Amino acid sequence: VFAIVIPFLYVGTQISKSFAALLEEHDI
């Protein structure tokens, strides 16, 4: 369970960080 949850949780945080930066860059 941990071998699946931790990598996908990390990938999800990276995607959300990049999307938040994109929204802030375009002043949305």
mmCIF file of all heavy atoms, coordinates in Angstrom:
data_MODEL
# 
_entry.id   MODEL 
# 
loop_
_atom_site.group_PDB 
_atom_site.id 
_atom_site.type_symbol 
_atom_site.label_atom_id 
_atom_site.label_alt_id 
_atom_site.label_comp_id 
_atom_site.label_asym_id 
_atom_site.label_entity_id 
_atom_site.label_seq_id 
_atom_site.pdbx_PDB_ins_code 
_atom_site.Cartn_x 
_atom_site.Cartn_y 
_atom_site.Cartn_z 
_atom_site.occupancy 
_atom_site.B_iso_or_equiv 
_atom_site.pdbx_formal_charge 
_atom_site.auth_seq_id 
_atom_site.auth_comp_id 
_atom_site.auth_asym_id 
_atom_site.auth_atom_id 
_atom_site.pdbx_PDB_model_num 
ATOM 1   N N   . VAL A 1 1  ? 0.842  -1.201 0.000   1.00 0.00 ? 1  VAL A N   1 
ATOM 2   C CA  . VAL A 1 1  ? 0.000  0.000  0.000   1.00 0.00 ? 1  VAL A CA  1 
ATOM 3   C C   . VAL A 1 1  ? 0.872  1.243  0.000   1.00 0.00 ? 1  VAL A C   1 
ATOM 4   O O   . VAL A 1 1  ? 0.664  2.177  -0.775  1.00 0.00 ? 1  VAL A O   1 
ATOM 5   C CB  . VAL A 1 1  ? -0.965 -0.013 1.208   1.00 0.00 ? 1  VAL A CB  1 
ATOM 6   C CG1 . VAL A 1 1  ? -1.621 1.335  1.397   1.00 0.00 ? 1  VAL A CG1 1 
ATOM 7   C CG2 . VAL A 1 1  ? -2.006 -1.089 1.033   1.00 0.00 ? 1  VAL A CG2 1 
ATOM 8   N N   . PHE A 1 2  ? 1.859  1.280  0.887   1.00 0.00 ? 2  PHE A N   1 
ATOM 9   C CA  . PHE A 1 2  ? 2.744  2.446  0.947   1.00 0.00 ? 2  PHE A CA  1 
ATOM 10  C C   . PHE A 1 2  ? 3.574  2.593  -0.326  1.00 0.00 ? 2  PHE A C   1 
ATOM 11  O O   . PHE A 1 2  ? 3.871  3.703  -0.744  1.00 0.00 ? 2  PHE A O   1 
ATOM 12  C CB  . PHE A 1 2  ? 3.655  2.379  2.163   1.00 0.00 ? 2  PHE A CB  1 
ATOM 13  C CG  . PHE A 1 2  ? 2.945  2.697  3.443   1.00 0.00 ? 2  PHE A CG  1 
ATOM 14  C CD1 . PHE A 1 2  ? 3.034  1.839  4.520   1.00 0.00 ? 2  PHE A CD1 1 
ATOM 15  C CD2 . PHE A 1 2  ? 2.179  3.835  3.557   1.00 0.00 ? 2  PHE A CD2 1 
ATOM 16  C CE1 . PHE A 1 2  ? 2.380  2.120  5.701   1.00 0.00 ? 2  PHE A CE1 1 
ATOM 17  C CE2 . PHE A 1 2  ? 1.515  4.128  4.736   1.00 0.00 ? 2  PHE A CE2 1 
ATOM 18  C CZ  . PHE A 1 2  ? 1.619  3.272  5.815   1.00 0.00 ? 2  PHE A CZ  1 
ATOM 19  N N   . ALA A 1 3  ? 3.951  1.482  -0.935  1.00 0.00 ? 3  ALA A N   1 
ATOM 20  C CA  . ALA A 1 3  ? 4.732  1.546  -2.175  1.00 0.00 ? 3  ALA A CA  1 
ATOM 21  C C   . ALA A 1 3  ? 3.932  2.147  -3.321  1.00 0.00 ? 3  ALA A C   1 
ATOM 22  O O   . ALA A 1 3  ? 4.496  2.689  -4.262  1.00 0.00 ? 3  ALA A O   1 
ATOM 23  C CB  . ALA A 1 3  ? 5.224  0.156  -2.561  1.00 0.00 ? 3  ALA A CB  1 
ATOM 24  N N   . ILE A 1 4  ? 2.619  2.076  -3.258  1.00 0.00 ? 4  ILE A N   1 
ATOM 25  C CA  . ILE A 1 4  ? 1.769  2.672  -4.284  1.00 0.00 ? 4  ILE A CA  1 
ATOM 26  C C   . ILE A 1 4  ? 1.358  4.085  -3.899  1.00 0.00 ? 4  ILE A C   1 
ATOM 27  O O   . ILE A 1 4  ? 1.395  5.007  -4.724  1.00 0.00 ? 4  ILE A O   1 
ATOM 28  C CB  . ILE A 1 4  ? 0.520  1.796  -4.528  1.00 0.00 ? 4  ILE A CB  1 
ATOM 29  C CG1 . ILE A 1 4  ? 0.920  0.427  -5.062  1.00 0.00 ? 4  ILE A CG1 1 
ATOM 30  C CG2 . ILE A 1 4  ? -0.456 2.471  -5.458  1.00 0.00 ? 4  ILE A CG2 1 
ATOM 31  C CD1 . ILE A 1 4  ? 1.644  0.446  -6.384  1.00 0.00 ? 4  ILE A CD1 1 
ATOM 32  N N   . VAL A 1 5  ? 0.970  4.294  -2.650  1.00 0.00 ? 5  VAL A N   1 
ATOM 33  C CA  . VAL A 1 5  ? 0.420  5.577  -2.227  1.00 0.00 ? 5  VAL A CA  1 
ATOM 34  C C   . VAL A 1 5  ? 1.467  6.687  -2.252  1.00 0.00 ? 5  VAL A C   1 
ATOM 35  O O   . VAL A 1 5  ? 1.211  7.784  -2.771  1.00 0.00 ? 5  VAL A O   1 
ATOM 36  C CB  . VAL A 1 5  ? -0.213 5.452  -0.822  1.00 0.00 ? 5  VAL A CB  1 
ATOM 37  C CG1 . VAL A 1 5  ? -0.540 6.805  -0.245  1.00 0.00 ? 5  VAL A CG1 1 
ATOM 38  C CG2 . VAL A 1 5  ? -1.454 4.601  -0.896  1.00 0.00 ? 5  VAL A CG2 1 
ATOM 39  N N   . ILE A 1 6  ? 2.646  6.448  -1.716  1.00 0.00 ? 6  ILE A N   1 
ATOM 40  C CA  . ILE A 1 6  ? 3.648  7.514  -1.585  1.00 0.00 ? 6  ILE A CA  1 
ATOM 41  C C   . ILE A 1 6  ? 4.093  8.056  -2.941  1.00 0.00 ? 6  ILE A C   1 
ATOM 42  O O   . ILE A 1 6  ? 4.109  9.273  -3.135  1.00 0.00 ? 6  ILE A O   1 
ATOM 43  C CB  . ILE A 1 6  ? 4.826  7.032  -0.717  1.00 0.00 ? 6  ILE A CB  1 
ATOM 44  C CG1 . ILE A 1 6  ? 4.339  6.890  0.729   1.00 0.00 ? 6  ILE A CG1 1 
ATOM 45  C CG2 . ILE A 1 6  ? 6.007  7.987  -0.793  1.00 0.00 ? 6  ILE A CG2 1 
ATOM 46  C CD1 . ILE A 1 6  ? 5.331  6.299  1.671   1.00 0.00 ? 6  ILE A CD1 1 
ATOM 47  N N   . PRO A 1 7  ? 4.460  7.236  -3.930  1.00 0.00 ? 7  PRO A N   1 
ATOM 48  C CA  . PRO A 1 7  ? 4.850  7.825  -5.223  1.00 0.00 ? 7  PRO A CA  1 
ATOM 49  C C   . PRO A 1 7  ? 3.720  8.593  -5.908  1.00 0.00 ? 7  PRO A C   1 
ATOM 50  O O   . PRO A 1 7  ? 3.952  9.678  -6.457  1.00 0.00 ? 7  PRO A O   1 
ATOM 51  C CB  . PRO A 1 7  ? 5.266  6.620  -6.070  1.00 0.00 ? 7  PRO A CB  1 
ATOM 52  C CG  . PRO A 1 7  ? 5.589  5.560  -5.112  1.00 0.00 ? 7  PRO A CG  1 
ATOM 53  C CD  . PRO A 1 7  ? 4.725  5.791  -3.927  1.00 0.00 ? 7  PRO A CD  1 
ATOM 54  N N   . PHE A 1 8  ? 2.500  8.067  -5.864  1.00 0.00 ? 8  PHE A N   1 
ATOM 55  C CA  . PHE A 1 8  ? 1.407  8.765  -6.521  1.00 0.00 ? 8  PHE A CA  1 
ATOM 56  C C   . PHE A 1 8  ? 1.018  10.031 -5.769  1.00 0.00 ? 8  PHE A C   1 
ATOM 57  O O   . PHE A 1 8  ? 0.598  11.013 -6.371  1.00 0.00 ? 8  PHE A O   1 
ATOM 58  C CB  . PHE A 1 8  ? 0.199  7.835  -6.697  1.00 0.00 ? 8  PHE A CB  1 
ATOM 59  C CG  . PHE A 1 8  ? 0.357  6.904  -7.862  1.00 0.00 ? 8  PHE A CG  1 
ATOM 60  C CD1 . PHE A 1 8  ? 0.762  5.598  -7.672  1.00 0.00 ? 8  PHE A CD1 1 
ATOM 61  C CD2 . PHE A 1 8  ? 0.123  7.348  -9.147  1.00 0.00 ? 8  PHE A CD2 1 
ATOM 62  C CE1 . PHE A 1 8  ? 0.920  4.744  -8.749  1.00 0.00 ? 8  PHE A CE1 1 
ATOM 63  C CE2 . PHE A 1 8  ? 0.273  6.503  -10.232 1.00 0.00 ? 8  PHE A CE2 1 
ATOM 64  C CZ  . PHE A 1 8  ? 0.675  5.192  -10.036 1.00 0.00 ? 8  PHE A CZ  1 
ATOM 65  N N   . LEU A 1 9  ? 1.166  10.035 -4.457  1.00 0.00 ? 9  LEU A N   1 
ATOM 66  C CA  . LEU A 1 9  ? 0.931  11.243 -3.685  1.00 0.00 ? 9  LEU A CA  1 
ATOM 67  C C   . LEU A 1 9  ? 1.961  12.307 -4.043  1.00 0.00 ? 9  LEU A C   1 
ATOM 68  O O   . LEU A 1 9  ? 1.632  13.486 -4.193  1.00 0.00 ? 9  LEU A O   1 
ATOM 69  C CB  . LEU A 1 9  ? 0.985  10.924 -2.189  1.00 0.00 ? 9  LEU A CB  1 
ATOM 70  C CG  . LEU A 1 9  ? 0.480  11.967 -1.233  1.00 0.00 ? 9  LEU A CG  1 
ATOM 71  C CD1 . LEU A 1 9  ? -0.996 12.239 -1.483  1.00 0.00 ? 9  LEU A CD1 1 
ATOM 72  C CD2 . LEU A 1 9  ? 0.694  11.510 0.192   1.00 0.00 ? 9  LEU A CD2 1 
ATOM 73  N N   . TYR A 1 10 ? 3.208  11.906 -4.215  1.00 0.00 ? 10 TYR A N   1 
ATOM 74  C CA  . TYR A 1 10 ? 4.259  12.843 -4.610  1.00 0.00 ? 10 TYR A CA  1 
ATOM 75  C C   . TYR A 1 10 ? 3.996  13.395 -6.008  1.00 0.00 ? 10 TYR A C   1 
ATOM 76  O O   . TYR A 1 10 ? 4.124  14.602 -6.244  1.00 0.00 ? 10 TYR A O   1 
ATOM 77  C CB  . TYR A 1 10 ? 5.619  12.138 -4.560  1.00 0.00 ? 10 TYR A CB  1 
ATOM 78  C CG  . TYR A 1 10 ? 6.757  13.031 -4.993  1.00 0.00 ? 10 TYR A CG  1 
ATOM 79  C CD1 . TYR A 1 10 ? 7.222  14.029 -4.163  1.00 0.00 ? 10 TYR A CD1 1 
ATOM 80  C CD2 . TYR A 1 10 ? 7.346  12.866 -6.240  1.00 0.00 ? 10 TYR A CD2 1 
ATOM 81  C CE1 . TYR A 1 10 ? 8.263  14.861 -4.562  1.00 0.00 ? 10 TYR A CE1 1 
ATOM 82  C CE2 . TYR A 1 10 ? 8.375  13.681 -6.649  1.00 0.00 ? 10 TYR A CE2 1 
ATOM 83  C CZ  . TYR A 1 10 ? 8.834  14.676 -5.808  1.00 0.00 ? 10 TYR A CZ  1 
ATOM 84  O OH  . TYR A 1 10 ? 9.852  15.489 -6.206  1.00 0.00 ? 10 TYR A OH  1 
ATOM 85  N N   . VAL A 1 11 ? 3.626  12.542 -6.942  1.00 0.00 ? 11 VAL A N   1 
ATOM 86  C CA  . VAL A 1 11 ? 3.326  12.994 -8.306  1.00 0.00 ? 11 VAL A CA  1 
ATOM 87  C C   . VAL A 1 11 ? 2.141  13.947 -8.297  1.00 0.00 ? 11 VAL A C   1 
ATOM 88  O O   . VAL A 1 11 ? 2.140  14.970 -8.997  1.00 0.00 ? 11 VAL A O   1 
ATOM 89  C CB  . VAL A 1 11 ? 3.067  11.785 -9.239  1.00 0.00 ? 11 VAL A CB  1 
ATOM 90  C CG1 . VAL A 1 11 ? 2.495  12.223 -10.573 1.00 0.00 ? 11 VAL A CG1 1 
ATOM 91  C CG2 . VAL A 1 11 ? 4.344  10.998 -9.444  1.00 0.00 ? 11 VAL A CG2 1 
ATOM 92  N N   . GLY A 1 12 ? 1.130  13.670 -7.485  1.00 0.00 ? 12 GLY A N   1 
ATOM 93  C CA  . GLY A 1 12 ? -0.021 14.549 -7.388  1.00 0.00 ? 12 GLY A CA  1 
ATOM 94  C C   . GLY A 1 12 ? 0.331  15.915 -6.837  1.00 0.00 ? 12 GLY A C   1 
ATOM 95  O O   . GLY A 1 12 ? -0.175 16.940 -7.307  1.00 0.00 ? 12 GLY A O   1 
ATOM 96  N N   . THR A 1 13 ? 1.217  15.959 -5.850  1.00 0.00 ? 13 THR A N   1 
ATOM 97  C CA  . THR A 1 13 ? 1.629  17.260 -5.311  1.00 0.00 ? 13 THR A CA  1 
ATOM 98  C C   . THR A 1 13 ? 2.434  18.041 -6.331  1.00 0.00 ? 13 THR A C   1 
ATOM 99  O O   . THR A 1 13 ? 2.295  19.270 -6.426  1.00 0.00 ? 13 THR A O   1 
ATOM 100 C CB  . THR A 1 13 ? 2.440  17.101 -4.020  1.00 0.00 ? 13 THR A CB  1 
ATOM 101 O OG1 . THR A 1 13 ? 3.572  16.275 -4.266  1.00 0.00 ? 13 THR A OG1 1 
ATOM 102 C CG2 . THR A 1 13 ? 1.604  16.517 -2.913  1.00 0.00 ? 13 THR A CG2 1 
ATOM 103 N N   . GLN A 1 14 ? 3.263  17.368 -7.102  1.00 0.00 ? 14 GLN A N   1 
ATOM 104 C CA  . GLN A 1 14 ? 4.039  18.068 -8.127  1.00 0.00 ? 14 GLN A CA  1 
ATOM 105 C C   . GLN A 1 14 ? 3.134  18.639 -9.211  1.00 0.00 ? 14 GLN A C   1 
ATOM 106 O O   . GLN A 1 14 ? 3.337  19.755 -9.691  1.00 0.00 ? 14 GLN A O   1 
ATOM 107 C CB  . GLN A 1 14 ? 5.089  17.136 -8.743  1.00 0.00 ? 14 GLN A CB  1 
ATOM 108 C CG  . GLN A 1 14 ? 6.157  16.688 -7.768  1.00 0.00 ? 14 GLN A CG  1 
ATOM 109 C CD  . GLN A 1 14 ? 6.889  17.860 -7.149  1.00 0.00 ? 14 GLN A CD  1 
ATOM 110 O OE1 . GLN A 1 14 ? 7.252  18.825 -7.817  1.00 0.00 ? 14 GLN A OE1 1 
ATOM 111 N NE2 . GLN A 1 14 ? 7.086  17.785 -5.852  1.00 0.00 ? 14 GLN A NE2 1 
ATOM 112 N N   . ILE A 1 15 ? 2.131  17.888 -9.612  1.00 0.00 ? 15 ILE A N   1 
ATOM 113 C CA  . ILE A 1 15 ? 1.185  18.372 -10.620 1.00 0.00 ? 15 ILE A CA  1 
ATOM 114 C C   . ILE A 1 15 ? 0.414  19.567 -10.088 1.00 0.00 ? 15 ILE A C   1 
ATOM 115 O O   . ILE A 1 15 ? 0.235  20.575 -10.787 1.00 0.00 ? 15 ILE A O   1 
ATOM 116 C CB  . ILE A 1 15 ? 0.233  17.236 -11.057 1.00 0.00 ? 15 ILE A CB  1 
ATOM 117 C CG1 . ILE A 1 15 ? 1.004  16.183 -11.854 1.00 0.00 ? 15 ILE A CG1 1 
ATOM 118 C CG2 . ILE A 1 15 ? -0.930 17.776 -11.868 1.00 0.00 ? 15 ILE A CG2 1 
ATOM 119 C CD1 . ILE A 1 15 ? 0.215  14.932 -12.138 1.00 0.00 ? 15 ILE A CD1 1 
ATOM 120 N N   . SER A 1 16 ? -0.044 19.510 -8.839  1.00 0.00 ? 16 SER A N   1 
ATOM 121 C CA  . SER A 1 16 ? -0.813 20.621 -8.285  1.00 0.00 ? 16 SER A CA  1 
ATOM 122 C C   . SER A 1 16 ? 0.055  21.859 -8.090  1.00 0.00 ? 16 SER A C   1 
ATOM 123 O O   . SER A 1 16 ? -0.419 22.980 -8.288  1.00 0.00 ? 16 SER A O   1 
ATOM 124 C CB  . SER A 1 16 ? -1.476 20.217 -6.966  1.00 0.00 ? 16 SER A CB  1 
ATOM 125 O OG  . SER A 1 16 ? -0.495 19.913 -5.998  1.00 0.00 ? 16 SER A OG  1 
ATOM 126 N N   . LYS A 1 17 ? 1.321  21.669 -7.715  1.00 0.00 ? 17 LYS A N   1 
ATOM 127 C CA  . LYS A 1 17 ? 2.217  22.822 -7.587  1.00 0.00 ? 17 LYS A CA  1 
ATOM 128 C C   . LYS A 1 17 ? 2.442  23.496 -8.933  1.00 0.00 ? 17 LYS A C   1 
ATOM 129 O O   . LYS A 1 17 ? 2.416  24.731 -9.033  1.00 0.00 ? 17 LYS A O   1 
ATOM 130 C CB  . LYS A 1 17 ? 3.559  22.384 -6.997  1.00 0.00 ? 17 LYS A CB  1 
ATOM 131 C CG  . LYS A 1 17 ? 3.547  22.242 -5.496  1.00 0.00 ? 17 LYS A CG  1 
ATOM 132 C CD  . LYS A 1 17 ? 4.819  21.666 -4.923  1.00 0.00 ? 17 LYS A CD  1 
ATOM 133 C CE  . LYS A 1 17 ? 6.078  22.301 -5.442  1.00 0.00 ? 17 LYS A CE  1 
ATOM 134 N NZ  . LYS A 1 17 ? 7.280  21.741 -4.809  1.00 0.00 ? 17 LYS A NZ  1 
ATOM 135 N N   . SER A 1 18 ? 2.642  22.704 -9.980  1.00 0.00 ? 18 SER A N   1 
ATOM 136 C CA  . SER A 1 18 ? 2.875  23.298 -11.298 1.00 0.00 ? 18 SER A CA  1 
ATOM 137 C C   . SER A 1 18 ? 1.604  23.967 -11.832 1.00 0.00 ? 18 SER A C   1 
ATOM 138 O O   . SER A 1 18 ? 1.676  25.014 -12.476 1.00 0.00 ? 18 SER A O   1 
ATOM 139 C CB  . SER A 1 18 ? 3.380  22.247 -12.284 1.00 0.00 ? 18 SER A CB  1 
ATOM 140 O OG  . SER A 1 18 ? 2.411  21.254 -12.489 1.00 0.00 ? 18 SER A OG  1 
ATOM 141 N N   . PHE A 1 19 ? 0.448  23.403 -11.542 1.00 0.00 ? 19 PHE A N   1 
ATOM 142 C CA  . PHE A 1 19 ? -0.801 24.009 -11.983 1.00 0.00 ? 19 PHE A CA  1 
ATOM 143 C C   . PHE A 1 19 ? -1.076 25.301 -11.216 1.00 0.00 ? 19 PHE A C   1 
ATOM 144 O O   . PHE A 1 19 ? -1.562 26.282 -11.795 1.00 0.00 ? 19 PHE A O   1 
ATOM 145 C CB  . PHE A 1 19 ? -1.957 23.026 -11.820 1.00 0.00 ? 19 PHE A CB  1 
ATOM 146 C CG  . PHE A 1 19 ? -3.220 23.473 -12.490 1.00 0.00 ? 19 PHE A CG  1 
ATOM 147 C CD1 . PHE A 1 19 ? -3.302 23.541 -13.868 1.00 0.00 ? 19 PHE A CD1 1 
ATOM 148 C CD2 . PHE A 1 19 ? -4.319 23.838 -11.747 1.00 0.00 ? 19 PHE A CD2 1 
ATOM 149 C CE1 . PHE A 1 19 ? -4.463 23.958 -14.495 1.00 0.00 ? 19 PHE A CE1 1 
ATOM 150 C CE2 . PHE A 1 19 ? -5.486 24.262 -12.354 1.00 0.00 ? 19 PHE A CE2 1 
ATOM 151 C CZ  . PHE A 1 19 ? -5.550 24.323 -13.734 1.00 0.00 ? 19 PHE A CZ  1 
ATOM 152 N N   . ALA A 1 20 ? -0.767 25.331 -9.926  1.00 0.00 ? 20 ALA A N   1 
ATOM 153 C CA  . ALA A 1 20 ? -0.934 26.564 -9.148  1.00 0.00 ? 20 ALA A CA  1 
ATOM 154 C C   . ALA A 1 20 ? 0.005  27.644 -9.651  1.00 0.00 ? 20 ALA A C   1 
ATOM 155 O O   . ALA A 1 20 ? -0.367 28.827 -9.726  1.00 0.00 ? 20 ALA A O   1 
ATOM 156 C CB  . ALA A 1 20 ? -0.694 26.284 -7.674  1.00 0.00 ? 20 ALA A CB  1 
ATOM 157 N N   . ALA A 1 21 ? 1.230  27.282 -10.023 1.00 0.00 ? 21 ALA A N   1 
ATOM 158 C CA  . ALA A 1 21 ? 2.159  28.263 -10.580 1.00 0.00 ? 21 ALA A CA  1 
ATOM 159 C C   . ALA A 1 21 ? 1.668  28.784 -11.930 1.00 0.00 ? 21 ALA A C   1 
ATOM 160 O O   . ALA A 1 21 ? 1.799  29.977 -12.230 1.00 0.00 ? 21 ALA A O   1 
ATOM 161 C CB  . ALA A 1 21 ? 3.545  27.635 -10.730 1.00 0.00 ? 21 ALA A CB  1 
ATOM 162 N N   . LEU A 1 22 ? 1.070  27.919 -12.732 1.00 0.00 ? 22 LEU A N   1 
ATOM 163 C CA  . LEU A 1 22 ? 0.516  28.335 -14.015 1.00 0.00 ? 22 LEU A CA  1 
ATOM 164 C C   . LEU A 1 22 ? -0.637 29.314 -13.819 1.00 0.00 ? 22 LEU A C   1 
ATOM 165 O O   . LEU A 1 22 ? -0.729 30.331 -14.516 1.00 0.00 ? 22 LEU A O   1 
ATOM 166 C CB  . LEU A 1 22 ? 0.041  27.102 -14.798 1.00 0.00 ? 22 LEU A CB  1 
ATOM 167 C CG  . LEU A 1 22 ? -0.602 27.381 -16.154 1.00 0.00 ? 22 LEU A CG  1 
ATOM 168 C CD1 . LEU A 1 22 ? 0.486  27.689 -17.172 1.00 0.00 ? 22 LEU A CD1 1 
ATOM 169 C CD2 . LEU A 1 22 ? -1.432 26.203 -16.600 1.00 0.00 ? 22 LEU A CD2 1 
ATOM 170 N N   . LEU A 1 23 ? -1.515 29.028 -12.860 1.00 0.00 ? 23 LEU A N   1 
ATOM 171 C CA  . LEU A 1 23 ? -2.622 29.938 -12.580 1.00 0.00 ? 23 LEU A CA  1 
ATOM 172 C C   . LEU A 1 23 ? -2.122 31.295 -12.083 1.00 0.00 ? 23 LEU A C   1 
ATOM 173 O O   . LEU A 1 23 ? -2.650 32.335 -12.463 1.00 0.00 ? 23 LEU A O   1 
ATOM 174 C CB  . LEU A 1 23 ? -3.565 29.319 -11.540 1.00 0.00 ? 23 LEU A CB  1 
ATOM 175 C CG  . LEU A 1 23 ? -4.394 28.128 -11.995 1.00 0.00 ? 23 LEU A CG  1 
ATOM 176 C CD1 . LEU A 1 23 ? -5.187 27.587 -10.819 1.00 0.00 ? 23 LEU A CD1 1 
ATOM 177 C CD2 . LEU A 1 23 ? -5.307 28.503 -13.133 1.00 0.00 ? 23 LEU A CD2 1 
ATOM 178 N N   . GLU A 1 24 ? -1.112 31.275 -11.244 1.00 0.00 ? 24 GLU A N   1 
ATOM 179 C CA  . GLU A 1 24 ? -0.572 32.535 -10.734 1.00 0.00 ? 24 GLU A CA  1 
ATOM 180 C C   . GLU A 1 24 ? 0.151  33.309 -11.825 1.00 0.00 ? 24 GLU A C   1 
ATOM 181 O O   . GLU A 1 24 ? 0.096  34.535 -11.875 1.00 0.00 ? 24 GLU A O   1 
ATOM 182 C CB  . GLU A 1 24 ? 0.368  32.244 -9.563  1.00 0.00 ? 24 GLU A CB  1 
ATOM 183 C CG  . GLU A 1 24 ? 0.784  33.486 -8.814  1.00 0.00 ? 24 GLU A CG  1 
ATOM 184 C CD  . GLU A 1 24 ? 1.557  33.156 -7.567  1.00 0.00 ? 24 GLU A CD  1 
ATOM 185 O OE1 . GLU A 1 24 ? 1.641  31.981 -7.178  1.00 0.00 ? 24 GLU A OE1 1 
ATOM 186 O OE2 . GLU A 1 24 ? 2.095  34.109 -6.979  1.00 0.00 ? 24 GLU A OE2 1 
ATOM 187 N N   . GLU A 1 25 ? 0.806  32.604 -12.722 1.00 0.00 ? 25 GLU A N   1 
ATOM 188 C CA  . GLU A 1 25 ? 1.525  33.262 -13.826 1.00 0.00 ? 25 GLU A CA  1 
ATOM 189 C C   . GLU A 1 25 ? 0.568  33.984 -14.760 1.00 0.00 ? 25 GLU A C   1 
ATOM 190 O O   . GLU A 1 25 ? 0.870  35.067 -15.264 1.00 0.00 ? 25 GLU A O   1 
ATOM 191 C CB  . GLU A 1 25 ? 2.319  32.200 -14.604 1.00 0.00 ? 25 GLU A CB  1 
ATOM 192 C CG  . GLU A 1 25 ? 3.082  32.734 -15.794 1.00 0.00 ? 25 GLU A CG  1 
ATOM 193 C CD  . GLU A 1 25 ? 3.791  31.624 -16.546 1.00 0.00 ? 25 GLU A CD  1 
ATOM 194 O OE1 . GLU A 1 25 ? 4.149  30.608 -15.922 1.00 0.00 ? 25 GLU A OE1 1 
ATOM 195 O OE2 . GLU A 1 25 ? 3.957  31.779 -17.769 1.00 0.00 ? 25 GLU A OE2 1 
ATOM 196 N N   . HIS A 1 26 ? -0.591 33.411 -14.993 1.00 0.00 ? 26 HIS A N   1 
ATOM 197 C CA  . HIS A 1 26 ? -1.566 34.019 -15.895 1.00 0.00 ? 26 HIS A CA  1 
ATOM 198 C C   . HIS A 1 26 ? -2.581 34.902 -15.156 1.00 0.00 ? 26 HIS A C   1 
ATOM 199 O O   . HIS A 1 26 ? -3.591 35.288 -15.729 1.00 0.00 ? 26 HIS A O   1 
ATOM 200 C CB  . HIS A 1 26 ? -2.305 32.918 -16.680 1.00 0.00 ? 26 HIS A CB  1 
ATOM 201 C CG  . HIS A 1 26 ? -1.427 32.210 -17.661 1.00 0.00 ? 26 HIS A CG  1 
ATOM 202 N ND1 . HIS A 1 26 ? -0.968 32.795 -18.815 1.00 0.00 ? 26 HIS A ND1 1 
ATOM 203 C CD2 . HIS A 1 26 ? -0.893 30.959 -17.645 1.00 0.00 ? 26 HIS A CD2 1 
ATOM 204 C CE1 . HIS A 1 26 ? -0.216 31.941 -19.480 1.00 0.00 ? 26 HIS A CE1 1 
ATOM 205 N NE2 . HIS A 1 26 ? -0.148 30.803 -18.783 1.00 0.00 ? 26 HIS A NE2 1 
ATOM 206 N N   . ASP A 1 27 ? -2.312 35.205 -13.904 1.00 0.00 ? 27 ASP A N   1 
ATOM 207 C CA  . ASP A 1 27 ? -3.153 36.065 -13.067 1.00 0.00 ? 27 ASP A CA  1 
ATOM 208 C C   . ASP A 1 27 ? -4.601 35.575 -12.997 1.00 0.00 ? 27 ASP A C   1 
ATOM 209 O O   . ASP A 1 27 ? -5.537 36.370 -12.916 1.00 0.00 ? 27 ASP A O   1 
ATOM 210 C CB  . ASP A 1 27 ? -3.126 37.514 -13.554 1.00 0.00 ? 27 ASP A CB  1 
ATOM 211 C CG  . ASP A 1 27 ? -1.769 38.159 -13.331 1.00 0.00 ? 27 ASP A CG  1 
ATOM 212 O OD1 . ASP A 1 27 ? -1.090 37.737 -12.368 1.00 0.00 ? 27 ASP A OD1 1 
ATOM 213 O OD2 . ASP A 1 27 ? -1.403 39.057 -14.104 1.00 0.00 ? 27 ASP A OD2 1 
ATOM 214 N N   . ILE A 1 28 ? -4.791 34.270 -13.042 1.00 0.00 ? 28 ILE A N   1 
ATOM 215 C CA  . ILE A 1 28 ? -6.125 33.705 -12.885 1.00 0.00 ? 28 ILE A CA  1 
ATOM 216 C C   . ILE A 1 28 ? -6.448 33.598 -11.396 1.00 0.00 ? 28 ILE A C   1 
ATOM 217 O O   . ILE A 1 28 ? -7.530 33.940 -10.963 1.00 0.00 ? 28 ILE A O   1 
ATOM 218 C CB  . ILE A 1 28 ? -6.225 32.335 -13.578 1.00 0.00 ? 28 ILE A CB  1 
ATOM 219 C CG1 . ILE A 1 28 ? -6.025 32.520 -15.085 1.00 0.00 ? 28 ILE A CG1 1 
ATOM 220 C CG2 . ILE A 1 28 ? -7.556 31.666 -13.290 1.00 0.00 ? 28 ILE A CG2 1 
ATOM 221 C CD1 . ILE A 1 28 ? -5.923 31.226 -15.852 1.00 0.00 ? 28 ILE A CD1 1 
# 
